[in-house]
């Protein structure tokens, strides 16, 4: 995923993406973006923000969910 969606890191004066990862938590796989702050008051601080998740529903079946900007999780139709 990284070469395609994050070919280079472009620092800005705001928050910018420095990494894309994924991790299992129980039966869920979460896709996570790692951000670094470029603002003067917290320059260099990093935080994780999940943007999608797959819920395992069976041996070969998953449900897709994504995170809205409001923090609400929405299931794909």
N, C-alpha and C. Protein backbone atom coordinates (compact mmCIF):
# COMPACT_ATOMS: atom_id res chain seq x y z
N UNK A 1 0.82 -1.20 0.00
CA UNK A 1 0.00 0.00 0.00
C UNK A 1 0.85 1.26 0.00
N UNK A 2 1.95 1.25 0.71
CA UNK A 2 2.74 2.48 0.86
C UNK A 2 3.24 3.03 -0.47
N UNK A 3 3.84 2.21 -1.35
CA UNK A 3 4.34 2.78 -2.60
C UNK A 3 3.24 3.42 -3.45
N UNK A 4 2.04 2.88 -3.38
CA UNK A 4 0.96 3.40 -4.21
C UNK A 4 0.28 4.63 -3.59
N UNK A 5 -0.02 4.58 -2.31
CA UNK A 5 -0.79 5.65 -1.67
C UNK A 5 0.06 6.66 -0.89
N UNK A 6 1.32 6.34 -0.65
CA UNK A 6 2.20 7.27 0.07
C UNK A 6 3.60 7.18 -0.55
N UNK A 7 3.73 7.61 -1.82
CA UNK A 7 5.03 7.48 -2.50
C UNK A 7 6.11 8.37 -1.89
N UNK A 8 5.73 9.50 -1.30
CA UNK A 8 6.70 10.36 -0.63
C UNK A 8 6.00 11.13 0.50
N UNK A 9 6.78 11.53 1.49
CA UNK A 9 6.25 12.31 2.61
C UNK A 9 6.47 13.78 2.30
N UNK A 10 5.39 14.54 2.33
CA UNK A 10 5.45 15.97 2.03
C UNK A 10 5.10 16.78 3.28
N UNK A 11 6.10 17.26 4.00
CA UNK A 11 5.81 18.06 5.19
C UNK A 11 5.06 19.35 4.84
N UNK A 12 4.11 19.70 5.70
CA UNK A 12 3.34 20.93 5.53
C UNK A 12 3.30 21.66 6.87
N UNK A 13 2.67 22.80 6.90
CA UNK A 13 2.53 23.52 8.17
C UNK A 13 1.41 22.94 9.02
N UNK A 14 0.63 22.02 8.48
CA UNK A 14 -0.46 21.38 9.21
C UNK A 14 -0.09 19.94 9.50
N UNK A 15 -1.07 19.07 9.75
CA UNK A 15 -0.82 17.65 9.95
C UNK A 15 -0.64 17.00 8.59
N UNK A 16 0.33 16.08 8.49
CA UNK A 16 0.57 15.39 7.23
C UNK A 16 0.85 13.92 7.49
N UNK A 17 0.51 13.07 6.52
CA UNK A 17 0.63 11.62 6.65
C UNK A 17 2.09 11.20 6.49
N UNK A 18 2.57 10.35 7.42
CA UNK A 18 3.94 9.85 7.35
C UNK A 18 3.99 8.32 7.21
N UNK A 19 2.86 7.62 7.44
CA UNK A 19 2.87 6.16 7.34
C UNK A 19 1.44 5.65 7.19
N UNK A 20 1.30 4.52 6.52
CA UNK A 20 0.03 3.81 6.41
C UNK A 20 0.29 2.38 6.86
N UNK A 21 -0.48 1.91 7.84
CA UNK A 21 -0.30 0.56 8.36
C UNK A 21 -1.66 -0.11 8.53
N UNK A 22 -1.61 -1.34 8.98
CA UNK A 22 -2.81 -2.07 9.32
C UNK A 22 -2.52 -2.96 10.50
N UNK A 23 -3.54 -3.26 11.29
CA UNK A 23 -3.33 -4.14 12.44
C UNK A 23 -4.62 -4.88 12.78
N UNK A 24 -4.44 -6.13 13.23
CA UNK A 24 -5.56 -6.94 13.67
C UNK A 24 -5.91 -6.60 15.10
N UNK A 25 -7.19 -6.62 15.41
CA UNK A 25 -7.68 -6.47 16.78
C UNK A 25 -8.89 -7.39 16.90
N UNK A 26 -8.67 -8.57 17.46
CA UNK A 26 -9.75 -9.56 17.51
C UNK A 26 -10.05 -10.04 16.10
N UNK A 27 -11.31 -9.92 15.68
CA UNK A 27 -11.71 -10.31 14.34
C UNK A 27 -11.79 -9.13 13.39
N UNK A 28 -11.14 -8.02 13.74
CA UNK A 28 -11.20 -6.82 12.91
C UNK A 28 -9.79 -6.43 12.46
N UNK A 29 -9.70 -5.99 11.21
CA UNK A 29 -8.44 -5.47 10.68
C UNK A 29 -8.65 -4.00 10.39
N UNK A 30 -7.84 -3.15 11.00
CA UNK A 30 -7.98 -1.70 10.84
C UNK A 30 -6.84 -1.15 9.98
N UNK A 31 -7.21 -0.27 9.05
CA UNK A 31 -6.24 0.47 8.26
C UNK A 31 -6.03 1.81 8.96
N UNK A 32 -4.77 2.17 9.20
CA UNK A 32 -4.45 3.33 10.03
C UNK A 32 -3.44 4.23 9.31
N UNK A 33 -3.70 5.54 9.36
CA UNK A 33 -2.74 6.52 8.87
C UNK A 33 -2.05 7.13 10.09
N UNK A 34 -0.73 7.29 9.99
CA UNK A 34 0.05 7.95 11.05
C UNK A 34 0.35 9.36 10.56
N UNK A 35 -0.03 10.34 11.38
CA UNK A 35 0.15 11.75 11.04
C UNK A 35 1.24 12.36 11.91
N UNK A 36 1.92 13.36 11.34
CA UNK A 36 2.90 14.16 12.10
C UNK A 36 2.45 15.61 12.00
N UNK A 37 2.56 16.31 13.10
CA UNK A 37 2.14 17.71 13.13
C UNK A 37 3.27 18.62 12.67
N UNK A 38 2.92 19.61 11.85
CA UNK A 38 3.88 20.60 11.42
C UNK A 38 3.63 21.95 12.06
N UNK A 39 2.62 22.01 12.95
CA UNK A 39 2.29 23.28 13.61
C UNK A 39 3.34 23.64 14.66
N UNK A 40 3.54 24.91 14.88
CA UNK A 40 4.60 25.37 15.77
C UNK A 40 4.43 24.92 17.22
N UNK A 41 3.21 24.89 17.73
CA UNK A 41 3.00 24.57 19.15
C UNK A 41 3.18 23.08 19.47
N UNK A 42 3.11 22.19 18.47
CA UNK A 42 3.33 20.76 18.72
C UNK A 42 4.08 20.09 17.57
N UNK A 43 5.03 20.78 17.02
CA UNK A 43 5.79 20.32 15.86
C UNK A 43 6.46 18.98 16.15
N UNK A 44 6.27 18.03 15.24
CA UNK A 44 6.90 16.73 15.35
C UNK A 44 6.10 15.68 16.10
N UNK A 45 5.05 16.05 16.81
CA UNK A 45 4.23 15.06 17.52
C UNK A 45 3.47 14.22 16.49
N UNK A 46 3.30 12.93 16.79
CA UNK A 46 2.62 12.02 15.87
C UNK A 46 1.40 11.39 16.53
N UNK A 47 0.41 11.04 15.70
CA UNK A 47 -0.78 10.36 16.20
C UNK A 47 -1.34 9.46 15.10
N UNK A 48 -2.10 8.44 15.50
CA UNK A 48 -2.72 7.49 14.57
C UNK A 48 -4.18 7.84 14.37
N UNK A 49 -4.66 7.65 13.14
CA UNK A 49 -6.07 7.89 12.82
C UNK A 49 -6.55 6.76 11.91
N UNK A 50 -7.42 5.86 12.42
CA UNK A 50 -7.95 4.80 11.56
C UNK A 50 -8.88 5.39 10.51
N UNK A 51 -8.89 4.78 9.30
CA UNK A 51 -9.77 5.29 8.25
C UNK A 51 -10.68 4.22 7.66
N UNK A 52 -10.39 2.94 7.92
CA UNK A 52 -11.27 1.87 7.43
C UNK A 52 -11.02 0.62 8.26
N UNK A 53 -11.98 -0.30 8.22
CA UNK A 53 -11.78 -1.56 8.93
C UNK A 53 -12.56 -2.67 8.23
N UNK A 54 -12.04 -3.87 8.35
CA UNK A 54 -12.69 -5.08 7.85
C UNK A 54 -13.08 -5.92 9.05
N UNK A 55 -14.36 -6.29 9.15
CA UNK A 55 -14.83 -7.17 10.22
C UNK A 55 -14.98 -8.58 9.64
N UNK A 56 -14.35 -9.55 10.29
CA UNK A 56 -14.43 -10.93 9.82
C UNK A 56 -15.80 -11.50 10.19
N UNK A 57 -16.54 -11.94 9.17
CA UNK A 57 -17.88 -12.46 9.39
C UNK A 57 -17.95 -13.97 9.18
N UNK A 58 -16.91 -14.54 8.64
CA UNK A 58 -16.87 -15.98 8.39
C UNK A 58 -15.51 -16.33 7.81
N UNK A 59 -15.33 -17.58 7.39
CA UNK A 59 -14.03 -18.01 6.89
C UNK A 59 -13.52 -17.18 5.69
N UNK A 60 -14.40 -16.82 4.80
CA UNK A 60 -14.00 -16.04 3.62
C UNK A 60 -14.90 -14.84 3.40
N UNK A 61 -15.48 -14.31 4.48
CA UNK A 61 -16.42 -13.20 4.36
C UNK A 61 -16.07 -12.08 5.33
N UNK A 62 -16.07 -10.83 4.81
CA UNK A 62 -15.75 -9.66 5.61
C UNK A 62 -16.76 -8.56 5.34
N UNK A 63 -17.01 -7.72 6.34
CA UNK A 63 -17.80 -6.50 6.17
C UNK A 63 -16.83 -5.32 6.18
N UNK A 64 -17.08 -4.36 5.31
CA UNK A 64 -16.22 -3.18 5.21
C UNK A 64 -16.88 -2.00 5.92
N UNK A 65 -16.12 -1.27 6.73
CA UNK A 65 -16.58 -0.07 7.42
C UNK A 65 -15.56 1.03 7.18
N UNK A 66 -15.98 2.27 7.24
CA UNK A 66 -15.03 3.38 7.18
C UNK A 66 -15.41 4.41 8.22
N UNK A 67 -14.43 5.24 8.55
CA UNK A 67 -14.59 6.26 9.59
C UNK A 67 -14.87 7.60 8.94
N UNK A 68 -15.95 8.24 9.34
CA UNK A 68 -16.28 9.58 8.84
C UNK A 68 -15.49 10.62 9.61
N UNK A 69 -15.45 11.83 9.10
CA UNK A 69 -14.74 12.92 9.76
C UNK A 69 -15.35 13.27 11.12
N UNK A 70 -16.58 12.81 11.35
CA UNK A 70 -17.26 13.07 12.62
C UNK A 70 -16.91 12.04 13.69
N UNK A 71 -16.18 10.98 13.29
CA UNK A 71 -15.85 9.90 14.22
C UNK A 71 -16.83 8.74 14.13
N UNK A 72 -17.90 8.91 13.37
CA UNK A 72 -18.90 7.86 13.20
C UNK A 72 -18.36 6.78 12.26
N UNK A 73 -18.66 5.51 12.58
CA UNK A 73 -18.26 4.38 11.74
C UNK A 73 -19.46 4.01 10.87
N UNK A 74 -19.24 3.90 9.55
CA UNK A 74 -20.31 3.62 8.61
C UNK A 74 -20.00 2.31 7.92
N UNK A 75 -21.01 1.43 7.82
CA UNK A 75 -20.85 0.16 7.13
C UNK A 75 -21.17 0.35 5.65
N UNK A 76 -20.36 -0.25 4.79
CA UNK A 76 -20.59 -0.16 3.35
C UNK A 76 -21.87 -0.91 3.00
N UNK A 77 -22.63 -0.38 2.03
CA UNK A 77 -23.89 -1.05 1.65
C UNK A 77 -23.67 -2.38 0.99
